[in-house]
């Protein structure tokens, strides 16, 4: 088992443990839902990284690096993900797409609390952005749209555009392409995708 697989197992253990946690208030439930969201997003992120490693030399690898940056992760991890995607895309000649990634990284450096060491590279990113703006072309034909509005299918790691048919994991909220409706969710391995269920809810304890 590699480090990614070990981390996925730990995050999945969190998802399996959460339903057993006592909740005394709706505030507790809100925090628990945030924990479930965090764990599910990191499971998807780690799965994407393993898929990216397997496709490191092809266009798909770059696209996966880009999709990684659209997950709801810690700002530091998003920053590192954007940096990696920028380096990959620039080497592959996808300057138009990289320009968008550069702008996102620079915006993140301003809006998020990041270590000083991370913010130091913004000067280099600005230089990369300037070169990309001058070239303004993509060498490869990409399915990734840096300006698109989409979710990421947690199984195929492809975009699910707003308005497209899709299905959700009723427990953690992960989104899937409609073709996976009815399958066991690969995120938590607990529920079926698209099942009619409420997910985590709170109800006050009743005394007799």
Protein backbone atom coordinates (compact mmCIF):
# COMPACT_ATOMS: atom_id res chain seq x y z
CA UNK A 1 0.00 0.00 0.00
CA UNK A 2 1.50 3.37 -1.04
CA UNK A 3 1.23 6.62 0.90
CA UNK A 4 -1.76 7.81 -1.14
CA UNK A 5 -3.63 4.57 -0.47
CA UNK A 6 -2.80 4.77 3.24
CA UNK A 7 -4.13 8.34 3.39
CA UNK A 8 -7.32 7.33 1.54
CA UNK A 9 -7.87 4.54 4.06
CA UNK A 10 -7.53 7.01 6.93
CA UNK A 11 -9.98 9.49 5.40
CA UNK A 12 -12.43 6.67 4.65
CA UNK A 13 -12.14 5.54 8.28
CA UNK A 14 -13.28 9.03 9.27
CA UNK A 15 -16.34 8.66 7.03
CA UNK A 16 -17.12 5.30 8.62
CA UNK A 17 -16.73 6.68 12.15
CA UNK A 18 -18.74 9.89 11.79
CA UNK A 19 -22.22 8.28 11.95
CA UNK A 20 -21.30 6.96 15.41
CA UNK A 21 -20.39 10.39 16.82
CA UNK A 22 -22.84 11.91 19.33
CA UNK A 23 -24.24 15.33 18.42
CA UNK A 24 -25.80 17.67 20.96
CA UNK A 25 -26.74 20.53 18.68
CA UNK A 26 -27.19 21.68 15.12
CA UNK A 27 -23.80 23.39 15.42
CA UNK A 28 -22.24 20.01 16.12
CA UNK A 29 -23.98 18.60 13.08
CA UNK A 30 -22.66 21.46 10.95
CA UNK A 31 -19.09 20.70 12.03
CA UNK A 32 -19.57 17.00 11.36
CA UNK A 33 -20.91 17.70 7.88
CA UNK A 34 -17.85 19.85 7.21
CA UNK A 35 -15.65 16.96 8.35
CA UNK A 36 -17.45 14.58 6.00
CA UNK A 37 -17.06 17.07 3.15
CA UNK A 38 -13.34 17.46 3.88
CA UNK A 39 -12.68 13.72 4.05
CA UNK A 40 -14.59 13.01 0.84
CA UNK A 41 -12.81 15.78 -1.07
CA UNK A 42 -9.40 14.51 0.00
CA UNK A 43 -10.26 10.96 -1.01
CA UNK A 44 -11.13 12.24 -4.48
CA UNK A 45 -8.00 14.40 -4.55
CA UNK A 46 -5.74 11.48 -3.65
CA UNK A 47 -7.41 9.24 -6.21
CA UNK A 48 -6.84 11.92 -8.84
CA UNK A 49 -3.17 12.09 -7.86
CA UNK A 50 -2.75 8.35 -8.32
CA UNK A 51 -4.48 8.52 -11.71
CA UNK A 52 -2.32 11.49 -12.64
CA UNK A 53 0.83 9.55 -11.80
CA UNK A 54 -0.31 6.74 -14.08
CA UNK A 55 -0.82 9.25 -16.92
CA UNK A 56 2.16 11.48 -16.20
CA UNK A 57 3.46 11.62 -19.77
CA UNK A 58 0.21 12.34 -21.60
CA UNK A 59 -2.37 15.10 -21.90
CA UNK A 60 -4.67 13.35 -19.45
CA UNK A 61 -2.04 13.76 -16.72
CA UNK A 62 -2.06 17.53 -17.14
CA UNK A 63 -5.86 17.64 -17.16
CA UNK A 64 -5.97 15.64 -13.93
CA UNK A 65 -3.52 18.07 -12.33
CA UNK A 66 -5.92 20.86 -13.31
CA UNK A 67 -9.02 19.08 -11.98
CA UNK A 68 -7.23 18.60 -8.65
CA UNK A 69 -7.21 22.39 -8.22
CA UNK A 70 -11.03 22.56 -8.36
CA UNK A 71 -11.55 20.49 -5.22
CA UNK A 72 -12.42 21.99 -1.84
CA UNK A 73 -9.03 21.57 -0.18
CA UNK A 74 -6.80 23.44 2.25
CA UNK A 75 -5.47 26.61 0.54
CA UNK A 76 -1.89 25.40 0.92
CA UNK A 77 -2.68 22.21 -0.96
CA UNK A 78 -4.54 24.16 -3.65
CA UNK A 79 -1.53 26.45 -4.00
CA UNK A 80 0.83 23.51 -4.47
CA UNK A 81 -1.62 21.90 -6.89
CA UNK A 82 -1.83 25.07 -8.97
CA UNK A 83 1.96 25.39 -8.98
CA UNK A 84 2.34 21.80 -10.22
CA UNK A 85 -0.31 22.26 -12.92
CA UNK A 86 1.36 25.49 -14.08
CA UNK A 87 4.75 23.80 -14.44
CA UNK A 88 3.24 20.81 -16.27
CA UNK A 89 1.14 22.94 -18.60
CA UNK A 90 3.96 25.32 -19.46
CA UNK A 91 6.28 22.45 -20.37
CA UNK A 92 3.54 20.99 -22.60
CA UNK A 93 2.96 24.31 -24.37
CA UNK A 94 -0.55 24.94 -23.04
CA UNK A 95 0.06 28.62 -22.44
CA UNK A 96 -3.53 29.86 -22.68
CA UNK A 97 -4.71 27.47 -19.99
CA UNK A 98 -1.65 28.08 -17.82
CA UNK A 99 -2.37 31.82 -17.87
CA UNK A 100 -5.70 31.16 -16.12
CA UNK A 101 -3.98 28.90 -13.59
CA UNK A 102 -1.40 31.61 -12.89
CA UNK A 103 -4.12 34.17 -12.19
CA UNK A 104 -5.84 31.77 -9.81
CA UNK A 105 -2.60 31.13 -7.92
CA UNK A 106 -1.89 34.86 -7.62
CA UNK A 107 -5.42 35.51 -6.36
CA UNK A 108 -5.06 32.70 -3.82
CA UNK A 109 -1.75 34.14 -2.60
CA UNK A 110 -3.59 37.38 -1.77
CA UNK A 111 -6.80 35.96 -0.30
CA UNK A 112 -5.50 33.01 1.74
CA UNK A 113 -3.19 32.78 4.73
CA UNK A 114 -0.18 31.02 3.25
CA UNK A 115 3.37 30.49 4.52
CA UNK A 116 5.80 33.22 3.48
CA UNK A 117 7.85 30.68 1.54
CA UNK A 118 4.89 30.02 -0.74
CA UNK A 119 4.19 33.67 -1.37
CA UNK A 120 7.80 34.21 -2.42
CA UNK A 121 7.25 32.39 -5.72
CA UNK A 122 4.55 34.81 -6.88
CA UNK A 123 7.19 36.88 -8.67
CA UNK A 124 8.14 33.88 -10.80
CA UNK A 125 4.48 33.11 -11.46
CA UNK A 126 3.92 36.67 -12.67
CA UNK A 127 6.81 36.21 -15.11
CA UNK A 128 5.28 32.93 -16.34
CA UNK A 129 1.90 34.67 -16.74
CA UNK A 130 3.46 37.40 -18.88
CA UNK A 131 5.04 34.83 -21.21
CA UNK A 132 1.80 32.87 -21.44
CA UNK A 133 -0.16 36.01 -22.31
CA UNK A 134 2.29 36.71 -25.12
CA UNK A 135 1.93 33.22 -26.58
CA UNK A 136 -1.81 32.83 -25.80
CA UNK A 137 -2.22 29.37 -27.37
CA UNK A 138 -2.61 25.77 -26.22
CA UNK A 139 -0.54 23.15 -28.02
CA UNK A 140 -2.85 20.34 -26.96
CA UNK A 141 -6.58 19.86 -27.37
CA UNK A 142 -7.92 19.75 -23.83
CA UNK A 143 -11.22 18.57 -22.36
CA UNK A 144 -10.43 20.76 -19.34
CA UNK A 145 -12.01 24.21 -19.48
CA UNK A 146 -10.24 26.49 -16.95
CA UNK A 147 -13.17 28.92 -16.98
CA UNK A 148 -15.92 26.30 -16.92
CA UNK A 149 -18.48 25.80 -14.16
CA UNK A 150 -18.44 22.13 -13.25
CA UNK A 151 -18.17 19.48 -10.57
CA UNK A 152 -15.69 16.62 -10.82
CA UNK A 153 -16.98 13.08 -11.08
CA UNK A 154 -15.48 11.25 -8.12
CA UNK A 155 -15.06 8.05 -10.14
CA UNK A 156 -14.13 9.00 -13.72
CA UNK A 157 -12.36 12.25 -12.73
CA UNK A 158 -14.03 14.07 -15.59
CA UNK A 159 -16.06 17.30 -15.48
CA UNK A 160 -19.77 17.22 -14.75
CA UNK A 161 -21.01 20.49 -16.20
CA UNK A 162 -23.78 22.41 -14.52
CA UNK A 163 -27.08 21.20 -15.97
CA UNK A 164 -25.74 17.80 -17.04
CA UNK A 165 -27.35 14.64 -15.68
CA UNK A 166 -25.53 13.50 -12.56
CA UNK A 167 -25.97 11.58 -9.32
CA UNK A 168 -24.75 12.18 -5.79
CA UNK A 169 -23.50 10.15 -2.88
CA UNK A 170 -26.30 10.89 -0.38
CA UNK A 171 -23.90 10.62 2.56
CA UNK A 172 -20.91 12.78 1.61
CA UNK A 173 -22.32 14.70 -1.37
CA UNK A 174 -19.70 13.60 -3.90
CA UNK A 175 -20.88 14.08 -7.48
CA UNK A 176 -20.82 11.36 -10.14
CA UNK A 177 -21.67 11.04 -13.81
CA UNK A 178 -25.22 9.72 -14.29
CA UNK A 179 -23.91 6.38 -15.59
CA UNK A 180 -22.75 5.47 -12.07
CA UNK A 181 -26.19 5.90 -10.53
CA UNK A 182 -26.99 2.87 -8.36
CA UNK A 183 -23.38 1.76 -7.87
CA UNK A 184 -21.77 1.64 -4.43
CA UNK A 185 -19.97 4.92 -3.81
CA UNK A 186 -16.18 4.46 -4.14
CA UNK A 187 -15.69 7.36 -1.73
CA UNK A 188 -17.24 5.95 1.43
CA UNK A 189 -18.10 2.37 0.33
CA UNK A 190 -21.23 2.71 2.46
CA UNK A 191 -24.11 3.91 0.27
CA UNK A 192 -25.34 3.68 -3.28
CA UNK A 193 -24.86 6.63 -5.61
CA UNK A 194 -28.14 8.40 -6.22
CA UNK A 195 -29.97 6.68 -3.37
CA UNK A 196 -32.97 8.50 -1.91
CA UNK A 197 -31.58 9.30 1.53
CA UNK A 198 -31.29 12.40 3.71
CA UNK A 199 -27.68 11.95 4.73
CA UNK A 200 -26.62 13.26 8.15
CA UNK A 201 -29.48 14.81 10.12
CA UNK A 202 -30.00 16.03 13.66
CA UNK A 203 -32.92 15.29 15.94
CA UNK A 204 -33.22 16.25 19.58
CA UNK A 205 -33.16 13.40 22.07
CA UNK A 206 -36.55 12.47 23.50
CA UNK A 207 -37.08 11.48 27.08
CA UNK A 208 -39.89 9.27 28.29
